[in-house]
């Protein structure tokens, strides 16, 4: 089904500007060293992925592997495992 959506020029222009700014922002983030860590803490995941602690805990209960050396210690999650888990969902 082909449907045409009519959009005002002003709205379309703002949308294009938003896309360009978002691309620039993502390019800047990909170059920052804190976004290239192999192991992420809960706070790193909250900042980088925008996921809350409650959601991350839910992922862990459903099978996301995490590394915690001691009880009540810092929880670390592999970036690769997290990305695979999110894509799989």
N, C-alpha and C. Protein backbone atom coordinates (compact mmCIF):
# COMPACT_ATOMS: atom_id res chain seq x y z
N UNK A 1 0.84 -1.17 0.00
CA UNK A 1 0.00 0.00 0.00
C UNK A 1 0.90 1.24 0.00
N UNK A 2 0.66 2.10 -0.95
CA UNK A 2 1.42 3.34 -1.04
C UNK A 2 0.56 4.49 -0.53
N UNK A 3 1.07 5.20 0.42
CA UNK A 3 0.35 6.34 0.98
C UNK A 3 1.27 7.53 0.99
N UNK A 4 0.76 8.64 0.56
CA UNK A 4 1.54 9.88 0.57
C UNK A 4 1.12 10.70 1.77
N UNK A 5 2.09 11.20 2.46
CA UNK A 5 1.81 12.06 3.61
C UNK A 5 2.30 13.45 3.26
N UNK A 6 1.43 14.39 3.35
CA UNK A 6 1.78 15.77 3.05
C UNK A 6 2.33 16.42 4.32
N UNK A 7 3.51 16.99 4.21
CA UNK A 7 4.16 17.63 5.34
C UNK A 7 4.51 19.06 4.95
N UNK A 8 4.25 19.96 5.85
CA UNK A 8 4.62 21.35 5.58
C UNK A 8 6.12 21.47 5.43
N UNK A 9 6.56 22.42 4.62
CA UNK A 9 7.99 22.62 4.39
C UNK A 9 8.72 22.92 5.69
N UNK A 10 8.12 23.72 6.53
CA UNK A 10 8.75 24.10 7.80
C UNK A 10 8.98 22.86 8.67
N UNK A 11 7.99 21.98 8.74
CA UNK A 11 8.10 20.77 9.55
C UNK A 11 9.17 19.85 8.95
N UNK A 12 9.15 19.71 7.63
CA UNK A 12 10.13 18.86 6.95
C UNK A 12 11.54 19.40 7.17
N UNK A 13 11.70 20.70 7.07
CA UNK A 13 13.00 21.33 7.28
C UNK A 13 13.52 21.08 8.70
N UNK A 14 12.63 21.22 9.68
CA UNK A 14 13.02 20.97 11.06
C UNK A 14 13.40 19.51 11.28
N UNK A 15 12.68 18.61 10.63
CA UNK A 15 12.99 17.19 10.74
C UNK A 15 14.37 16.88 10.17
N UNK A 16 14.68 17.44 9.02
CA UNK A 16 15.99 17.24 8.40
C UNK A 16 17.10 17.78 9.31
N UNK A 17 16.89 18.95 9.89
CA UNK A 17 17.88 19.53 10.80
C UNK A 17 18.10 18.63 12.01
N UNK A 18 17.01 18.08 12.53
CA UNK A 18 17.10 17.18 13.68
C UNK A 18 17.91 15.93 13.33
N UNK A 19 17.67 15.37 12.16
CA UNK A 19 18.40 14.17 11.74
C UNK A 19 19.89 14.47 11.60
N UNK A 20 20.23 15.59 11.02
CA UNK A 20 21.64 15.97 10.84
C UNK A 20 22.31 16.17 12.20
N UNK A 21 21.64 16.87 13.12
CA UNK A 21 22.20 17.08 14.46
C UNK A 21 22.38 15.76 15.20
N UNK A 22 21.43 14.85 15.05
CA UNK A 22 21.51 13.55 15.72
C UNK A 22 22.70 12.76 15.18
N UNK A 23 22.89 12.78 13.88
CA UNK A 23 24.04 12.08 13.28
C UNK A 23 25.36 12.63 13.79
N UNK A 24 25.45 13.96 13.89
CA UNK A 24 26.67 14.58 14.41
C UNK A 24 26.91 14.17 15.86
N UNK A 25 25.85 14.17 16.66
CA UNK A 25 25.97 13.80 18.06
C UNK A 25 26.43 12.35 18.21
N UNK A 26 25.85 11.45 17.42
CA UNK A 26 26.25 10.05 17.47
C UNK A 26 27.70 9.85 17.04
N UNK A 27 28.14 10.61 16.04
CA UNK A 27 29.53 10.53 15.61
C UNK A 27 30.46 11.00 16.73
N UNK A 28 30.06 12.06 17.44
CA UNK A 28 30.87 12.56 18.56
C UNK A 28 30.95 11.52 19.67
N UNK A 29 29.83 10.88 19.99
CA UNK A 29 29.81 9.87 21.05
C UNK A 29 30.67 8.67 20.70
N UNK A 30 30.66 8.27 19.45
CA UNK A 30 31.40 7.07 19.08
C UNK A 30 32.91 7.28 19.20
N UNK A 31 33.36 8.53 19.21
CA UNK A 31 34.79 8.81 19.34
C UNK A 31 35.23 8.98 20.80
N UNK A 32 34.29 9.13 21.71
CA UNK A 32 34.64 9.34 23.11
C UNK A 32 35.08 8.03 23.74
N UNK A 33 36.17 8.05 24.52
CA UNK A 33 36.71 6.81 25.10
C UNK A 33 35.77 6.13 26.08
N UNK A 34 34.93 6.89 26.81
CA UNK A 34 34.04 6.24 27.77
C UNK A 34 32.96 5.41 27.09
N UNK A 35 32.75 5.62 25.79
CA UNK A 35 31.77 4.83 25.06
C UNK A 35 32.42 3.69 24.29
N UNK A 36 33.67 3.38 24.63
CA UNK A 36 34.38 2.26 24.00
C UNK A 36 34.80 1.22 25.02
N UNK A 37 34.30 1.34 26.26
CA UNK A 37 34.66 0.38 27.30
C UNK A 37 34.12 -1.00 26.97
N UNK A 38 34.90 -2.02 27.33
CA UNK A 38 34.47 -3.40 27.10
C UNK A 38 33.49 -3.85 28.19
N UNK A 39 33.73 -3.45 29.44
CA UNK A 39 32.86 -3.80 30.57
C UNK A 39 32.19 -2.54 31.07
N UNK A 40 30.88 -2.61 31.27
CA UNK A 40 30.09 -1.45 31.68
C UNK A 40 29.49 -1.66 33.06
N UNK A 41 29.52 -0.62 33.87
CA UNK A 41 28.83 -0.67 35.16
C UNK A 41 27.36 -0.28 34.91
N UNK A 42 26.55 -0.43 35.92
CA UNK A 42 25.13 -0.07 35.80
C UNK A 42 24.99 1.40 35.43
N UNK A 43 25.76 2.26 36.07
CA UNK A 43 25.66 3.69 35.77
C UNK A 43 26.11 4.00 34.35
N UNK A 44 27.12 3.29 33.84
CA UNK A 44 27.55 3.47 32.44
C UNK A 44 26.41 3.12 31.48
N UNK A 45 25.72 2.03 31.78
CA UNK A 45 24.62 1.58 30.93
C UNK A 45 23.47 2.59 30.98
N UNK A 46 23.20 3.11 32.17
CA UNK A 46 22.14 4.12 32.29
C UNK A 46 22.44 5.34 31.43
N UNK A 47 23.69 5.77 31.43
CA UNK A 47 24.08 6.96 30.67
C UNK A 47 24.10 6.67 29.17
N UNK A 48 24.77 5.61 28.78
CA UNK A 48 24.99 5.35 27.36
C UNK A 48 23.76 4.81 26.64
N UNK A 49 23.04 3.89 27.27
CA UNK A 49 21.91 3.26 26.61
C UNK A 49 20.56 3.84 27.03
N UNK A 50 20.55 4.64 28.09
CA UNK A 50 19.30 5.24 28.56
C UNK A 50 18.36 4.23 29.21
N UNK A 51 18.92 3.17 29.76
CA UNK A 51 18.11 2.15 30.43
C UNK A 51 18.16 2.38 31.94
N UNK A 52 17.04 2.17 32.60
CA UNK A 52 17.00 2.36 34.05
C UNK A 52 17.56 1.14 34.76
N UNK A 53 17.88 1.30 36.02
CA UNK A 53 18.39 0.21 36.85
C UNK A 53 17.38 -0.94 36.90
N UNK A 54 16.11 -0.59 36.99
CA UNK A 54 15.05 -1.59 37.08
C UNK A 54 15.01 -2.45 35.80
N UNK A 55 15.16 -1.84 34.66
CA UNK A 55 15.16 -2.57 33.38
C UNK A 55 16.38 -3.48 33.30
N UNK A 56 17.53 -2.97 33.71
CA UNK A 56 18.77 -3.77 33.67
C UNK A 56 18.64 -4.98 34.59
N UNK A 57 18.08 -4.77 35.79
CA UNK A 57 17.86 -5.90 36.71
C UNK A 57 16.91 -6.92 36.10
N UNK A 58 15.90 -6.46 35.39
CA UNK A 58 14.98 -7.37 34.71
C UNK A 58 15.69 -8.18 33.64
N UNK A 59 16.59 -7.52 32.89
CA UNK A 59 17.39 -8.23 31.88
C UNK A 59 18.23 -9.32 32.54
N UNK A 60 18.82 -8.99 33.69
CA UNK A 60 19.65 -9.97 34.40
C UNK A 60 18.83 -11.16 34.86
N UNK A 61 17.63 -10.92 35.33
CA UNK A 61 16.75 -12.02 35.77
C UNK A 61 16.34 -12.90 34.60
N UNK A 62 16.25 -12.31 33.41
CA UNK A 62 15.83 -13.06 32.22
C UNK A 62 17.00 -13.70 31.48
N UNK A 63 18.23 -13.55 32.02
CA UNK A 63 19.34 -14.28 31.43
C UNK A 63 20.54 -13.48 30.97
N UNK A 64 20.54 -12.16 31.10
CA UNK A 64 21.72 -11.38 30.73
C UNK A 64 22.84 -11.68 31.72
N UNK A 65 23.99 -12.08 31.19
CA UNK A 65 25.12 -12.45 32.05
C UNK A 65 25.80 -11.20 32.58
N UNK A 66 26.13 -11.24 33.87
CA UNK A 66 26.83 -10.13 34.52
C UNK A 66 27.95 -10.69 35.37
N UNK A 67 28.94 -9.87 35.64
CA UNK A 67 30.08 -10.26 36.44
C UNK A 67 30.04 -9.46 37.74
N UNK A 68 30.00 -10.17 38.86
CA UNK A 68 29.99 -9.52 40.17
C UNK A 68 30.92 -10.34 41.06
N UNK A 69 32.12 -9.81 41.33
CA UNK A 69 33.14 -10.58 42.05
C UNK A 69 32.75 -10.93 43.47
N UNK A 70 32.14 -10.00 44.18
CA UNK A 70 31.70 -10.28 45.55
C UNK A 70 30.24 -9.86 45.70
N UNK A 71 29.56 -10.47 46.67
CA UNK A 71 28.19 -10.04 46.95
C UNK A 71 28.21 -8.58 47.35
N UNK A 72 27.26 -7.81 46.90
CA UNK A 72 27.19 -6.37 47.13
C UNK A 72 28.35 -5.61 46.47
N UNK A 73 29.03 -6.26 45.53
CA UNK A 73 30.11 -5.61 44.80
C UNK A 73 29.60 -4.95 43.52
N UNK A 74 30.50 -4.33 42.82
CA UNK A 74 30.15 -3.64 41.58
C UNK A 74 29.75 -4.65 40.52
N UNK A 75 28.66 -4.38 39.84
CA UNK A 75 28.16 -5.25 38.78
C UNK A 75 28.72 -4.74 37.46
N UNK A 76 29.35 -5.63 36.71
CA UNK A 76 29.88 -5.29 35.40
C UNK A 76 29.23 -6.19 34.35
N UNK A 77 28.87 -5.57 33.24
CA UNK A 77 28.23 -6.30 32.15
C UNK A 77 29.03 -6.05 30.88
N UNK A 78 29.29 -7.10 30.14
CA UNK A 78 30.04 -7.00 28.90
C UNK A 78 29.21 -6.22 27.87
N UNK A 79 29.84 -5.27 27.22
CA UNK A 79 29.16 -4.48 26.20
C UNK A 79 28.60 -5.38 25.10
N UNK A 80 29.40 -6.35 24.67
CA UNK A 80 29.00 -7.25 23.59
C UNK A 80 27.77 -8.05 24.01
N UNK A 81 27.78 -8.60 25.24
CA UNK A 81 26.64 -9.38 25.73
C UNK A 81 25.38 -8.52 25.83
N UNK A 82 25.53 -7.29 26.31
CA UNK A 82 24.38 -6.39 26.44
C UNK A 82 23.79 -6.08 25.07
N UNK A 83 24.66 -5.74 24.11
CA UNK A 83 24.17 -5.41 22.78
C UNK A 83 23.48 -6.62 22.13
N UNK A 84 24.06 -7.81 22.30
CA UNK A 84 23.43 -9.02 21.76
C UNK A 84 22.06 -9.24 22.39
N UNK A 85 21.97 -9.05 23.71
CA UNK A 85 20.72 -9.26 24.44
C UNK A 85 19.65 -8.27 23.97
N UNK A 86 20.04 -7.01 23.82
CA UNK A 86 19.08 -5.99 23.38
C UNK A 86 18.60 -6.28 21.96
N UNK A 87 19.50 -6.66 21.09
CA UNK A 87 19.12 -6.97 19.70
C UNK A 87 18.22 -8.18 19.64
N UNK A 88 18.52 -9.19 20.47
CA UNK A 88 17.73 -10.41 20.51
C UNK A 88 16.30 -10.13 20.93
N UNK A 89 16.09 -9.21 21.86
CA UNK A 89 14.75 -8.87 22.36
C UNK A 89 13.99 -8.26 21.27
